[in-house]
Amino acid sequence: MKRWIGFIFTSFSILFLSACGTSEESSSSDMNEENEQEEQSAGEFPIEVTDGRGEEVSIDEKPERIVSLVPSNTEIAFALGLGDEIVGVTDYCNYPEEATEKQSVGDMDFDVETLLSLEPDLVLAHASSAHGSEEGLKQIEEAGIDVLIVNDASSFEDAYGSIEMIAQATGTEEEAETIISDMKEDIIEIEEQAESITEDERKTVWVEIQPPPEIFTTGQGTFINEMLETINAENAAGEEEGWIQYSEEEAVALNPEVIITTYGHYVDDPSAEIKERAGWEQVPAIENDDIHDIDNDTVSRPGPRLTEGTEQLAELVYPDEFSN
């Protein structure tokens, strides 16, 4: 009887261990299959990409020749490691420096003939200008070239989406993941540093996008407003939405403690010009000589340099807190 019980116990143990082994092998096999599928789906072509219009764009093969029609797309493409694939850009694509060495296809009104002569297999267009370029883009598509219209970004999340979209279309998802992860980490660090600024120390900032006679500033729903919130500063025009035109009297009435201009690339000395304006003498920013110019491209172009722009803005508004 004891031998019979021992036999049953031994048999049951063998069956149990065998079942476990089979289960583990099956689980391991399933995991390997899932990993293989993930590896295959990342960068695998053909691929369907939902563009900035919400339309599906089919891309059969990994693009080897790319033309970018806006500076932000160009910056993103180079950051994704696609410098060699870029064969055409616009006159305004000035970063990185390598972009200026590429063949230009014109300005916002690109030359279709020049573009087609470059024989691209992918054209990176943009939602902000696609409406005015419908005829040219249609000619490009009729020539059998894929056209991806990238979304018009107005927030960091939108910019992450732009990077992901271009990466998906070019098989560079891993590079995009690294870029976005680094950007998010940089923003978190800036936010944490800005937490030391008390309510009494919080500064009101007037950001001047365009000087008189037609003064423009920026309100909610823009990169600059999001940057000011990130560094714990108050946007003087923060109650407004988008890009707003102000009169000089309206701007002065806001009494900003800091003035940031973004047009130093075409005005020699914005600070001197502002100081000479009649009626601006008692504005706190002018009394304290707290007027600065920032690189417009880093605070307006959707792409990896947005965090650089946020850091520069933080250092200008709060030099004691961020200069180190």
Protein backbone atom coordinates (compact mmCIF):
# COMPACT_ATOMS: atom_id res chain seq x y z
CA MET A 1 0.00 0.00 0.00
CA LYS A 2 2.81 2.38 0.90
CA ARG A 3 4.55 1.51 -2.38
CA TRP A 4 1.29 2.22 -4.29
CA ILE A 5 0.84 5.61 -2.59
CA GLY A 6 4.48 6.45 -3.30
CA PHE A 7 4.00 5.52 -6.95
CA ILE A 8 0.93 7.77 -7.25
CA PHE A 9 2.74 10.67 -5.54
CA THR A 10 5.78 10.28 -7.78
CA SER A 11 3.66 10.12 -10.92
CA PHE A 12 1.68 13.20 -9.90
CA SER A 13 4.93 15.10 -9.22
CA ILE A 14 6.29 14.22 -12.65
CA LEU A 15 3.08 15.33 -14.33
CA PHE A 16 3.01 18.57 -12.31
CA LEU A 17 6.62 19.44 -13.10
CA SER A 18 6.10 18.54 -16.74
CA ALA A 19 3.03 20.80 -16.90
CA CYS A 20 4.95 23.64 -15.28
CA GLY A 21 7.78 23.20 -17.73
CA THR A 22 5.38 23.22 -20.65
CA SER A 23 3.64 26.30 -19.28
CA GLU A 24 6.94 28.12 -18.78
CA GLU A 25 8.09 27.18 -22.28
CA SER A 26 4.77 28.32 -23.73
CA SER A 27 4.91 31.59 -21.78
CA SER A 28 8.51 32.15 -22.85
CA SER A 29 7.60 31.37 -26.45
CA ASP A 30 4.67 33.82 -26.33
CA MET A 31 6.91 36.53 -24.89
CA ASN A 32 9.52 35.94 -27.61
CA GLU A 33 6.83 36.18 -30.28
CA GLU A 34 5.52 39.44 -28.78
CA ASN A 35 9.04 40.90 -28.65
CA GLU A 36 9.64 39.86 -32.25
CA GLN A 37 6.37 41.48 -33.31
CA GLU A 38 7.28 44.69 -31.49
CA GLU A 39 10.71 44.72 -33.11
CA GLN A 40 9.16 44.11 -36.52
CA SER A 41 6.47 46.80 -36.11
CA ALA A 42 9.03 49.46 -35.17
CA GLY A 43 10.41 50.85 -38.40
CA GLU A 44 8.78 48.20 -40.56
CA PHE A 45 7.46 49.19 -43.98
CA PRO A 46 4.99 49.52 -45.60
CA ILE A 47 3.38 51.69 -42.94
CA GLU A 48 0.28 53.85 -42.49
CA VAL A 49 0.79 57.24 -40.83
CA THR A 50 -2.03 59.55 -39.73
CA ASP A 51 -0.94 63.04 -40.76
CA GLY A 52 -1.78 66.51 -39.44
CA ARG A 53 -5.03 66.55 -41.45
CA GLY A 54 -6.17 63.29 -39.91
CA GLU A 55 -5.63 61.47 -43.21
CA GLU A 56 -3.84 58.16 -43.65
CA VAL A 57 -0.59 58.34 -45.62
CA SER A 58 0.78 55.04 -46.96
CA ILE A 59 4.56 54.78 -47.13
CA ASP A 60 5.77 51.63 -48.85
CA GLU A 61 9.51 51.81 -48.16
CA LYS A 62 11.83 53.55 -45.75
CA PRO A 63 12.49 57.02 -47.25
CA GLU A 64 15.98 57.54 -48.59
CA ARG A 65 15.53 61.02 -50.09
CA ILE A 66 13.58 63.62 -48.10
CA VAL A 67 12.62 67.24 -48.77
CA SER A 68 11.50 69.40 -45.83
CA LEU A 69 9.28 72.41 -46.50
CA VAL A 70 9.45 74.12 -43.07
CA PRO A 71 12.31 74.77 -40.62
CA SER A 72 10.71 72.85 -37.74
CA ASN A 73 10.44 69.67 -39.81
CA THR A 74 14.05 70.13 -40.86
CA GLU A 75 15.26 70.44 -37.26
CA ILE A 76 13.30 67.37 -36.21
CA ALA A 77 14.58 65.32 -39.15
CA PHE A 78 18.20 66.18 -38.40
CA ALA A 79 17.69 65.41 -34.70
CA LEU A 80 16.35 61.99 -35.73
CA GLY A 81 19.61 61.32 -37.55
CA LEU A 82 18.23 61.86 -41.06
CA GLY A 83 20.81 64.41 -42.20
CA ASP A 84 22.06 62.20 -45.01
CA GLU A 85 18.54 61.53 -46.25
CA ILE A 86 17.64 65.23 -46.43
CA VAL A 87 18.20 66.39 -50.01
CA GLY A 88 16.13 69.59 -50.03
CA VAL A 89 15.05 72.34 -47.64
CA THR A 90 13.69 75.91 -47.78
CA ASP A 91 15.47 79.26 -47.57
CA TYR A 92 14.38 79.55 -43.93
CA CYS A 93 15.87 76.24 -42.78
CA ASN A 94 18.86 77.62 -40.88
CA TYR A 95 19.42 74.97 -38.21
CA PRO A 96 21.48 72.90 -37.84
CA GLU A 97 24.25 74.43 -39.91
CA GLU A 98 24.30 71.37 -42.17
CA ALA A 99 20.79 72.28 -43.30
CA THR A 100 22.06 75.46 -44.92
CA GLU A 101 24.28 73.35 -47.18
CA LYS A 102 21.33 71.45 -48.65
CA GLN A 103 19.63 72.38 -51.92
CA SER A 104 16.93 74.99 -51.40
CA VAL A 105 13.55 74.57 -53.08
CA GLY A 106 12.57 78.19 -52.34
CA ASP A 107 10.68 79.85 -49.50
CA MET A 108 7.13 79.13 -48.36
CA ASP A 109 6.15 79.26 -52.05
CA PHE A 110 8.45 76.39 -52.97
CA ASP A 111 9.43 75.72 -56.56
CA VAL A 112 7.79 72.47 -57.61
CA GLU A 113 10.14 71.90 -60.55
CA THR A 114 13.22 72.23 -58.35
CA LEU A 115 11.71 69.93 -55.76
CA LEU A 116 10.84 67.24 -58.31
CA SER A 117 14.35 67.42 -59.75
CA LEU A 118 15.70 66.22 -56.40
CA GLU A 119 13.71 62.98 -56.84
CA PRO A 120 12.56 62.68 -53.21
CA ASP A 121 10.47 59.75 -52.02
CA LEU A 122 9.07 61.74 -49.06
CA VAL A 123 8.17 65.42 -48.67
CA LEU A 124 7.63 66.78 -45.16
CA ALA A 125 5.03 69.54 -45.46
CA HIS A 126 3.23 71.37 -42.64
CA ALA A 127 -0.38 72.04 -41.71
CA SER A 128 0.30 75.75 -41.19
CA SER A 129 1.19 76.25 -44.85
CA ALA A 130 -0.44 73.29 -46.59
CA HIS A 131 -3.60 75.22 -47.47
CA GLY A 132 -1.65 77.82 -49.42
CA SER A 133 0.40 75.11 -51.15
CA GLU A 134 -2.39 72.75 -52.16
CA GLU A 135 -1.69 72.95 -55.89
CA GLY A 136 2.04 72.33 -55.49
CA LEU A 137 1.53 69.46 -53.05
CA LYS A 138 -1.01 67.90 -55.41
CA GLN A 139 1.54 67.97 -58.24
CA ILE A 140 4.07 66.27 -55.96
CA GLU A 141 1.62 63.52 -55.01
CA GLU A 142 0.64 63.02 -58.66
CA ALA A 143 4.33 62.44 -59.39
CA GLY A 144 4.16 59.43 -57.06
CA ILE A 145 5.94 61.09 -54.11
CA ASP A 146 4.66 60.61 -50.55
CA VAL A 147 3.63 63.85 -48.84
CA LEU A 148 3.33 63.95 -45.05
CA ILE A 149 1.60 67.03 -43.65
CA VAL A 150 2.91 67.43 -40.10
CA ASN A 151 0.55 68.82 -37.45
CA ASP A 152 0.64 72.51 -36.54
CA ALA A 153 1.95 72.34 -32.96
CA SER A 154 1.21 74.98 -30.32
CA SER A 155 2.18 73.07 -27.17
CA PHE A 156 4.95 70.77 -26.02
CA GLU A 157 2.61 67.78 -26.32
CA ASP A 158 1.83 68.79 -29.89
CA ALA A 159 5.56 69.06 -30.61
CA TYR A 160 6.13 65.56 -29.21
CA GLY A 161 3.43 64.41 -31.62
CA SER A 162 5.23 66.08 -34.54
CA ILE A 163 8.46 64.32 -33.66
CA GLU A 164 6.67 60.97 -33.35
CA MET A 165 4.87 61.47 -36.67
CA ILE A 166 8.05 62.20 -38.63
CA ALA A 167 9.82 59.34 -36.86
CA GLN A 168 7.07 56.90 -37.73
CA ALA A 169 7.21 57.92 -41.40
CA THR A 170 10.99 57.51 -41.53
CA GLY A 171 11.54 54.43 -39.37
CA THR A 172 13.28 56.31 -36.55
CA GLU A 173 10.91 55.66 -33.65
CA GLU A 174 13.70 54.72 -31.21
CA GLU A 175 15.50 58.00 -31.85
CA ALA A 176 12.23 59.88 -31.31
CA GLU A 177 11.63 58.11 -28.02
CA THR A 178 15.05 59.21 -26.76
CA ILE A 179 14.56 62.82 -27.91
CA ILE A 180 11.13 63.14 -26.28
CA SER A 181 12.28 61.46 -23.08
CA ASP A 182 15.23 63.88 -22.81
CA MET A 183 12.95 66.87 -23.45
CA LYS A 184 10.51 65.80 -20.76
CA GLU A 185 13.33 65.28 -18.26
CA ASP A 186 14.70 68.75 -19.00
CA ILE A 187 11.28 70.33 -18.43
CA ILE A 188 10.85 68.48 -15.14
CA GLU A 189 14.24 69.76 -13.95
CA ILE A 190 13.31 73.34 -14.87
CA GLU A 191 9.95 73.05 -13.09
CA GLU A 192 11.61 71.68 -9.97
CA GLN A 193 14.13 74.52 -9.99
CA ALA A 194 11.33 77.06 -10.44
CA GLU A 195 9.54 75.78 -7.34
CA SER A 196 11.96 77.79 -5.20
CA ILE A 197 10.53 81.06 -6.60
CA THR A 198 7.98 82.40 -4.13
CA GLU A 199 4.77 84.22 -5.03
CA ASP A 200 6.37 87.55 -4.06
CA GLU A 201 9.36 86.83 -6.32
CA ARG A 202 7.23 85.82 -9.29
CA LYS A 203 7.79 88.23 -12.18
CA THR A 204 5.40 89.57 -14.81
CA VAL A 205 6.87 89.25 -18.30
CA TRP A 206 5.94 91.10 -21.49
CA VAL A 207 7.03 89.15 -24.56
CA GLU A 208 7.19 91.32 -27.66
CA ILE A 209 7.02 89.33 -30.88
CA GLN A 210 6.91 92.37 -33.16
CA PRO A 211 7.81 96.03 -32.47
CA PRO A 212 5.73 99.14 -33.33
CA PRO A 213 3.89 100.31 -35.28
CA GLU A 214 2.06 96.96 -34.97
CA ILE A 215 3.03 95.42 -31.65
CA PHE A 216 2.30 91.73 -31.23
CA THR A 217 2.62 89.55 -28.16
CA THR A 218 1.66 86.03 -27.22
CA GLY A 219 -1.04 84.64 -24.95
CA GLN A 220 -2.44 81.25 -24.04
CA GLY A 221 -2.11 78.35 -26.44
CA THR A 222 1.46 79.19 -27.46
CA PHE A 223 4.88 77.77 -26.67
CA ILE A 224 6.01 80.97 -24.97
CA ASN A 225 3.06 81.03 -22.59
CA GLU A 226 3.72 77.39 -21.67
CA MET A 227 7.39 78.20 -21.13
CA LEU A 228 6.54 81.11 -18.82
CA GLU A 229 4.28 78.84 -16.79
CA THR A 230 7.06 76.26 -16.62
CA ILE A 231 9.56 78.74 -15.16
CA ASN A 232 6.94 80.09 -12.71
CA ALA A 233 6.59 83.51 -14.35
CA GLU A 234 3.42 85.40 -15.25
CA ASN A 235 2.67 86.26 -18.85
CA ALA A 236 1.59 89.92 -18.95
CA ALA A 237 -0.81 88.99 -21.75
CA GLY A 238 -1.76 85.66 -20.21
CA GLU A 239 -5.47 86.47 -20.16
CA GLU A 240 -5.49 86.61 -23.97
CA GLU A 241 -5.45 83.75 -26.47
CA GLY A 242 -2.93 83.09 -29.24
CA TRP A 243 -1.09 85.92 -31.00
CA ILE A 244 -2.48 89.34 -30.08
CA GLN A 245 -1.94 92.87 -31.32
CA TYR A 246 -1.53 95.56 -28.65
CA SER A 247 -1.27 99.32 -28.72
CA GLU A 248 1.69 100.91 -26.93
CA GLU A 249 -0.68 102.33 -24.31
CA GLU A 250 -2.14 98.89 -23.63
CA ALA A 251 1.32 97.36 -23.31
CA VAL A 252 2.53 100.08 -20.91
CA ALA A 253 -0.55 99.62 -18.74
CA LEU A 254 0.50 96.04 -18.02
CA ASN A 255 3.57 97.31 -16.09
CA PRO A 256 5.81 94.31 -16.85
CA GLU A 257 8.85 93.70 -14.67
CA VAL A 258 10.71 92.00 -17.52
CA ILE A 259 10.52 92.60 -21.27
CA ILE A 260 11.58 89.83 -23.66
CA THR A 261 11.88 90.51 -27.39
CA THR A 262 12.17 87.87 -30.10
CA TYR A 263 13.20 90.00 -33.09
CA GLY A 264 16.87 90.67 -32.50
CA HIS A 265 17.63 88.84 -35.73
CA TYR A 266 16.29 91.77 -37.75
CA VAL A 267 16.41 94.73 -35.31
CA ASP A 268 19.92 95.75 -34.30
CA ASP A 269 19.26 96.76 -30.68
CA PRO A 270 15.71 96.02 -29.47
CA SER A 271 16.51 97.10 -25.91
CA ALA A 272 17.69 100.56 -26.98
CA GLU A 273 14.63 100.99 -29.19
CA ILE A 274 12.27 100.17 -26.31
CA LYS A 275 14.06 102.52 -23.91
CA GLU A 276 13.58 105.38 -26.36
CA ARG A 277 9.81 104.94 -26.62
CA ALA A 278 7.84 107.91 -25.34
CA GLY A 279 5.62 107.04 -22.38
CA TRP A 280 7.47 103.85 -21.46
CA GLU A 281 9.86 105.49 -18.97
CA GLN A 282 8.06 104.34 -15.82
CA VAL A 283 7.57 100.73 -16.87
CA PRO A 284 9.36 98.64 -14.17
CA ALA A 285 11.31 96.61 -16.76
CA ILE A 286 12.73 99.81 -18.25
CA GLU A 287 13.46 101.41 -14.88
CA ASN A 288 15.39 98.28 -13.86
CA ASP A 289 16.98 97.78 -17.31
CA ASP A 290 15.47 94.29 -17.43
CA ILE A 291 15.06 94.00 -21.21
CA HIS A 292 16.41 91.02 -23.12
CA ASP A 293 16.27 89.46 -26.56
CA ILE A 294 15.91 85.73 -27.09
CA ASP A 295 16.46 83.54 -30.15
CA ASN A 296 13.03 83.41 -31.75
CA ASP A 297 13.63 79.99 -33.29
CA THR A 298 14.09 78.30 -29.91
CA VAL A 299 10.77 79.58 -28.54
CA SER A 300 8.59 79.21 -31.62
CA ARG A 301 9.68 76.17 -33.62
CA PRO A 302 8.18 72.82 -32.64
CA GLY A 303 11.15 70.56 -32.06
CA PRO A 304 13.97 69.44 -29.77
CA ARG A 305 15.23 73.00 -29.13
CA LEU A 306 12.08 74.04 -27.25
CA THR A 307 13.66 72.98 -23.98
CA GLU A 308 16.73 75.05 -24.85
CA GLY A 309 14.44 78.04 -25.35
CA THR A 310 12.78 77.39 -21.99
CA GLU A 311 16.17 77.31 -20.27
CA GLN A 312 17.25 80.56 -21.96
CA LEU A 313 14.00 82.23 -20.95
CA ALA A 314 14.44 81.08 -17.35
CA GLU A 315 17.98 82.48 -17.20
CA LEU A 316 16.84 85.85 -18.58
CA VAL A 317 13.84 86.23 -16.29
CA TYR A 318 15.38 84.72 -13.13
CA PRO A 319 19.18 85.00 -13.53
CA ASP A 320 19.88 84.41 -9.84
CA GLU A 321 17.90 81.18 -9.77
CA PHE A 322 18.85 79.74 -13.15
CA SER A 323 22.24 81.17 -14.13
CA ASN A 324 23.97 78.14 -12.63
